[in-house]
């Protein structure tokens, strides 16, 4: 399975950024495919390359989803990571609703 992971920009260099991962490791991420980010920006990275600049909210949603996958694999509870989805009906995206 291929999954993009959020990283936060710490330092901008020529063609790459030094970024902090969700578990606080520092990694170099190639940024040649996106606009030049700024320190503090969040990037969605895949195989060491940034695919897009994302919002902090989106970054934390992805990090929570990845943590939930890890917990499910271990047989642990993960429901608090999806508090916004508990006790509500699923909603179709706008393009799938009848007009």
N, C-alpha and C. Protein backbone atom coordinates (compact mmCIF):
# COMPACT_ATOMS: atom_id res chain seq x y z
N UNK A 1 0.84 -1.17 0.00
CA UNK A 1 0.00 0.00 0.00
C UNK A 1 0.89 1.23 0.00
N UNK A 2 0.53 2.23 -0.79
CA UNK A 2 1.29 3.48 -0.87
C UNK A 2 0.50 4.57 -0.17
N UNK A 3 1.12 5.21 0.80
CA UNK A 3 0.44 6.23 1.60
C UNK A 3 1.31 7.47 1.70
N UNK A 4 0.74 8.63 1.40
CA UNK A 4 1.43 9.90 1.61
C UNK A 4 1.42 10.24 3.09
N UNK A 5 2.50 10.84 3.56
CA UNK A 5 2.58 11.20 4.97
C UNK A 5 2.86 12.70 5.12
N UNK A 6 2.22 13.34 6.09
CA UNK A 6 2.45 14.76 6.32
C UNK A 6 3.79 14.99 7.04
N UNK A 7 4.47 16.04 6.63
CA UNK A 7 5.70 16.49 7.30
C UNK A 7 5.63 18.00 7.39
N UNK A 8 6.29 18.57 8.42
CA UNK A 8 6.29 20.01 8.58
C UNK A 8 7.68 20.57 8.25
N UNK A 9 7.70 21.62 7.44
CA UNK A 9 8.95 22.22 6.99
C UNK A 9 9.65 22.91 8.16
N UNK A 10 10.93 22.57 8.34
CA UNK A 10 11.77 23.19 9.36
C UNK A 10 12.72 24.19 8.69
N UNK A 11 13.30 23.78 7.57
CA UNK A 11 14.28 24.61 6.86
C UNK A 11 14.13 24.39 5.36
N UNK A 12 14.17 25.49 4.61
CA UNK A 12 14.07 25.43 3.16
C UNK A 12 15.46 25.53 2.55
N UNK A 13 15.79 24.59 1.66
CA UNK A 13 17.07 24.57 0.96
C UNK A 13 16.79 24.55 -0.54
N UNK A 14 17.81 24.56 -1.35
CA UNK A 14 17.64 24.54 -2.81
C UNK A 14 17.16 23.16 -3.26
N UNK A 15 15.88 23.07 -3.66
CA UNK A 15 15.34 21.82 -4.19
C UNK A 15 14.84 20.83 -3.16
N UNK A 16 15.02 21.12 -1.90
CA UNK A 16 14.51 20.23 -0.85
C UNK A 16 14.28 21.02 0.44
N UNK A 17 13.63 20.39 1.37
CA UNK A 17 13.40 20.97 2.69
C UNK A 17 13.78 19.95 3.75
N UNK A 18 14.24 20.46 4.87
CA UNK A 18 14.40 19.63 6.05
C UNK A 18 13.05 19.69 6.76
N UNK A 19 12.46 18.54 7.03
CA UNK A 19 11.11 18.49 7.59
C UNK A 19 11.07 17.59 8.82
N UNK A 20 10.09 17.88 9.68
CA UNK A 20 9.85 17.07 10.88
C UNK A 20 8.66 16.16 10.60
N UNK A 21 8.84 14.88 10.88
CA UNK A 21 7.77 13.90 10.69
C UNK A 21 6.84 13.90 11.90
N UNK A 22 5.76 13.13 11.80
CA UNK A 22 4.82 13.02 12.91
C UNK A 22 5.45 12.47 14.18
N UNK A 23 6.51 11.68 14.06
CA UNK A 23 7.19 11.16 15.25
C UNK A 23 8.48 11.93 15.55
N UNK A 24 8.56 13.17 15.04
CA UNK A 24 9.62 14.15 15.34
C UNK A 24 11.00 13.84 14.75
N UNK A 25 11.08 12.91 13.80
CA UNK A 25 12.36 12.69 13.11
C UNK A 25 12.53 13.80 12.07
N UNK A 26 13.79 14.13 11.77
CA UNK A 26 14.07 15.09 10.69
C UNK A 26 14.41 14.32 9.42
N UNK A 27 13.80 14.71 8.31
CA UNK A 27 14.04 14.06 7.03
C UNK A 27 14.18 15.13 5.94
N UNK A 28 14.91 14.80 4.89
CA UNK A 28 15.01 15.67 3.72
C UNK A 28 13.92 15.28 2.74
N UNK A 29 13.15 16.27 2.27
CA UNK A 29 12.06 16.02 1.33
C UNK A 29 12.29 16.85 0.07
N UNK A 30 12.32 16.18 -1.07
CA UNK A 30 12.49 16.84 -2.36
C UNK A 30 11.27 17.72 -2.62
N UNK A 31 11.50 18.98 -3.02
CA UNK A 31 10.39 19.91 -3.26
C UNK A 31 10.33 20.41 -4.71
N UNK A 32 10.96 19.72 -5.62
CA UNK A 32 10.99 20.17 -7.01
C UNK A 32 9.63 20.10 -7.71
N UNK A 33 8.69 19.32 -7.19
CA UNK A 33 7.38 19.17 -7.82
C UNK A 33 6.33 20.17 -7.34
N UNK A 34 6.69 21.02 -6.35
CA UNK A 34 5.71 21.95 -5.77
C UNK A 34 6.29 23.36 -5.74
N UNK A 35 5.44 24.34 -5.42
CA UNK A 35 5.92 25.70 -5.19
C UNK A 35 6.81 25.69 -3.95
N UNK A 36 7.71 26.66 -3.87
CA UNK A 36 8.63 26.71 -2.74
C UNK A 36 7.86 26.95 -1.44
N UNK A 37 7.97 26.02 -0.49
CA UNK A 37 7.26 26.18 0.78
C UNK A 37 8.03 27.10 1.72
N UNK A 38 7.39 27.43 2.83
CA UNK A 38 7.99 28.27 3.86
C UNK A 38 8.14 27.44 5.14
N UNK A 39 9.10 27.78 6.01
CA UNK A 39 9.18 27.09 7.30
C UNK A 39 7.83 27.15 8.02
N UNK A 40 7.42 26.03 8.56
CA UNK A 40 6.12 25.92 9.23
C UNK A 40 5.04 25.33 8.35
N UNK A 41 5.22 25.38 7.02
CA UNK A 41 4.23 24.77 6.12
C UNK A 41 4.20 23.26 6.31
N UNK A 42 3.07 22.68 5.98
CA UNK A 42 2.91 21.23 6.00
C UNK A 42 2.90 20.73 4.56
N UNK A 43 3.60 19.62 4.33
CA UNK A 43 3.66 19.00 3.02
C UNK A 43 3.13 17.59 3.09
N UNK A 44 2.47 17.14 2.03
CA UNK A 44 2.12 15.74 1.92
C UNK A 44 3.22 15.10 1.10
N UNK A 45 3.97 14.19 1.71
CA UNK A 45 5.13 13.59 1.05
C UNK A 45 4.88 12.12 0.73
N UNK A 46 5.55 11.67 -0.31
CA UNK A 46 5.44 10.28 -0.75
C UNK A 46 6.79 9.88 -1.32
N UNK A 47 7.38 8.85 -0.77
CA UNK A 47 8.67 8.35 -1.23
C UNK A 47 9.74 9.45 -1.28
N UNK A 48 9.75 10.32 -0.27
CA UNK A 48 10.79 11.33 -0.15
C UNK A 48 10.59 12.59 -0.98
N UNK A 49 9.43 12.71 -1.64
CA UNK A 49 9.13 13.91 -2.43
C UNK A 49 7.82 14.52 -1.98
N UNK A 50 7.79 15.84 -1.94
CA UNK A 50 6.55 16.55 -1.61
C UNK A 50 5.62 16.51 -2.81
N UNK A 51 4.35 16.21 -2.56
CA UNK A 51 3.35 16.19 -3.63
C UNK A 51 2.50 17.44 -3.62
N UNK A 52 2.29 18.03 -2.40
CA UNK A 52 1.51 19.26 -2.30
C UNK A 52 1.71 19.88 -0.92
N UNK A 53 1.43 21.18 -0.85
CA UNK A 53 1.39 21.88 0.42
C UNK A 53 -0.03 21.73 0.94
N UNK A 54 -0.17 21.32 2.20
CA UNK A 54 -1.50 21.10 2.77
C UNK A 54 -1.68 21.96 4.02
N UNK A 55 -2.92 22.08 4.46
CA UNK A 55 -3.21 22.86 5.67
C UNK A 55 -2.81 22.05 6.91
N UNK A 56 -2.63 22.75 7.99
CA UNK A 56 -2.32 22.09 9.26
C UNK A 56 -3.46 21.15 9.67
N UNK A 57 -4.70 21.58 9.44
CA UNK A 57 -5.86 20.74 9.76
C UNK A 57 -5.81 19.44 8.98
N UNK A 58 -5.56 19.53 7.68
CA UNK A 58 -5.48 18.33 6.84
C UNK A 58 -4.33 17.43 7.30
N UNK A 59 -3.19 18.05 7.64
CA UNK A 59 -2.04 17.27 8.11
C UNK A 59 -2.40 16.45 9.34
N UNK A 60 -3.06 17.08 10.30
CA UNK A 60 -3.42 16.35 11.52
C UNK A 60 -4.49 15.29 11.27
N UNK A 61 -5.38 15.52 10.32
CA UNK A 61 -6.36 14.49 9.97
C UNK A 61 -5.66 13.26 9.40
N UNK A 62 -4.68 13.48 8.53
CA UNK A 62 -3.94 12.35 7.95
C UNK A 62 -3.11 11.64 9.02
N UNK A 63 -2.46 12.42 9.89
CA UNK A 63 -1.67 11.80 10.97
C UNK A 63 -2.56 10.96 11.88
N UNK A 64 -3.77 11.47 12.20
CA UNK A 64 -4.70 10.69 13.01
C UNK A 64 -5.14 9.41 12.30
N UNK A 65 -5.38 9.50 10.99
CA UNK A 65 -5.78 8.31 10.23
C UNK A 65 -4.67 7.28 10.22
N UNK A 66 -3.43 7.72 10.06
CA UNK A 66 -2.30 6.79 10.09
C UNK A 66 -2.13 6.16 11.46
N UNK A 67 -2.32 6.94 12.52
CA UNK A 67 -2.26 6.40 13.88
C UNK A 67 -3.38 5.37 14.09
N UNK A 68 -4.57 5.66 13.55
CA UNK A 68 -5.69 4.72 13.67
C UNK A 68 -5.35 3.40 12.98
N UNK A 69 -4.75 3.46 11.79
CA UNK A 69 -4.35 2.23 11.10
C UNK A 69 -3.38 1.41 11.94
N UNK A 70 -2.44 2.09 12.56
CA UNK A 70 -1.47 1.41 13.41
C UNK A 70 -2.16 0.74 14.60
N UNK A 71 -3.10 1.46 15.21
CA UNK A 71 -3.81 0.89 16.36
C UNK A 71 -4.69 -0.29 15.97
N UNK A 72 -5.37 -0.18 14.83
CA UNK A 72 -6.21 -1.29 14.37
C UNK A 72 -5.36 -2.53 14.14
N UNK A 73 -4.19 -2.36 13.55
CA UNK A 73 -3.30 -3.49 13.29
C UNK A 73 -2.86 -4.17 14.58
N UNK A 74 -2.82 -3.41 15.67
CA UNK A 74 -2.43 -3.96 16.98
C UNK A 74 -3.63 -4.41 17.80
N UNK A 75 -4.84 -4.20 17.26
CA UNK A 75 -6.05 -4.57 17.99
C UNK A 75 -6.41 -3.58 19.09
N UNK A 76 -5.92 -2.36 18.99
CA UNK A 76 -6.18 -1.34 20.00
C UNK A 76 -7.34 -0.44 19.58
N UNK A 77 -7.92 0.27 20.56
CA UNK A 77 -9.02 1.20 20.30
C UNK A 77 -8.50 2.43 19.56
N UNK A 78 -9.30 2.91 18.62
CA UNK A 78 -8.90 4.06 17.82
C UNK A 78 -10.02 5.08 17.65
N UNK A 79 -11.15 4.87 18.32
CA UNK A 79 -12.34 5.68 18.06
C UNK A 79 -12.14 7.16 18.37
N UNK A 80 -11.32 7.52 19.36
CA UNK A 80 -11.16 8.94 19.69
C UNK A 80 -10.45 9.71 18.59
N UNK A 81 -9.78 9.00 17.70
CA UNK A 81 -9.10 9.66 16.59
C UNK A 81 -10.07 10.12 15.50
N UNK A 82 -11.31 9.63 15.57
CA UNK A 82 -12.33 10.00 14.61
C UNK A 82 -13.56 10.56 15.31
N UNK A 83 -13.34 11.39 16.31
CA UNK A 83 -14.44 11.95 17.10
C UNK A 83 -15.43 12.71 16.23
N UNK A 84 -14.95 13.33 15.14
CA UNK A 84 -15.83 14.09 14.26
C UNK A 84 -16.75 13.18 13.44
N UNK A 85 -16.48 11.89 13.39
CA UNK A 85 -17.31 10.97 12.61
C UNK A 85 -18.24 10.11 13.47
N UNK A 86 -18.01 10.08 14.77
CA UNK A 86 -18.81 9.25 15.68
C UNK A 86 -20.19 9.87 15.86
N UNK A 87 -21.21 9.05 15.87
CA UNK A 87 -22.60 9.46 16.12
C UNK A 87 -23.13 10.47 15.10
N UNK A 88 -22.78 10.30 13.84
CA UNK A 88 -23.37 11.13 12.79
C UNK A 88 -23.52 10.29 11.53
N UNK A 89 -24.44 10.70 10.70
CA UNK A 89 -24.70 10.00 9.46
C UNK A 89 -23.64 10.38 8.42
N UNK A 90 -23.22 9.42 7.59
CA UNK A 90 -22.28 9.76 6.52
C UNK A 90 -22.93 10.73 5.54
N UNK A 91 -22.13 11.59 4.93
CA UNK A 91 -22.64 12.56 3.97
C UNK A 91 -21.95 12.34 2.62
N UNK A 92 -22.76 12.39 1.57
CA UNK A 92 -22.21 12.28 0.23
C UNK A 92 -21.55 13.60 -0.16
N UNK A 93 -20.49 13.54 -0.95
CA UNK A 93 -19.90 14.78 -1.46
C UNK A 93 -20.90 15.47 -2.40
N UNK A 94 -20.75 16.78 -2.58
CA UNK A 94 -21.69 17.56 -3.39
C UNK A 94 -21.89 16.99 -4.79
N UNK A 95 -20.80 16.52 -5.42
CA UNK A 95 -20.94 16.05 -6.79
C UNK A 95 -21.73 14.76 -6.92
N UNK A 96 -22.02 14.07 -5.80
CA UNK A 96 -22.82 12.83 -5.83
C UNK A 96 -24.27 13.05 -5.39
N UNK A 97 -24.60 14.23 -4.95
CA UNK A 97 -25.98 14.49 -4.51
C UNK A 97 -26.82 14.94 -5.70
N UNK A 98 -28.11 14.59 -5.65
CA UNK A 98 -29.03 14.97 -6.73
C UNK A 98 -29.24 16.48 -6.74
N UNK A 99 -29.31 17.02 -7.91
CA UNK A 99 -29.52 18.48 -8.03
C UNK A 99 -30.90 18.77 -8.50
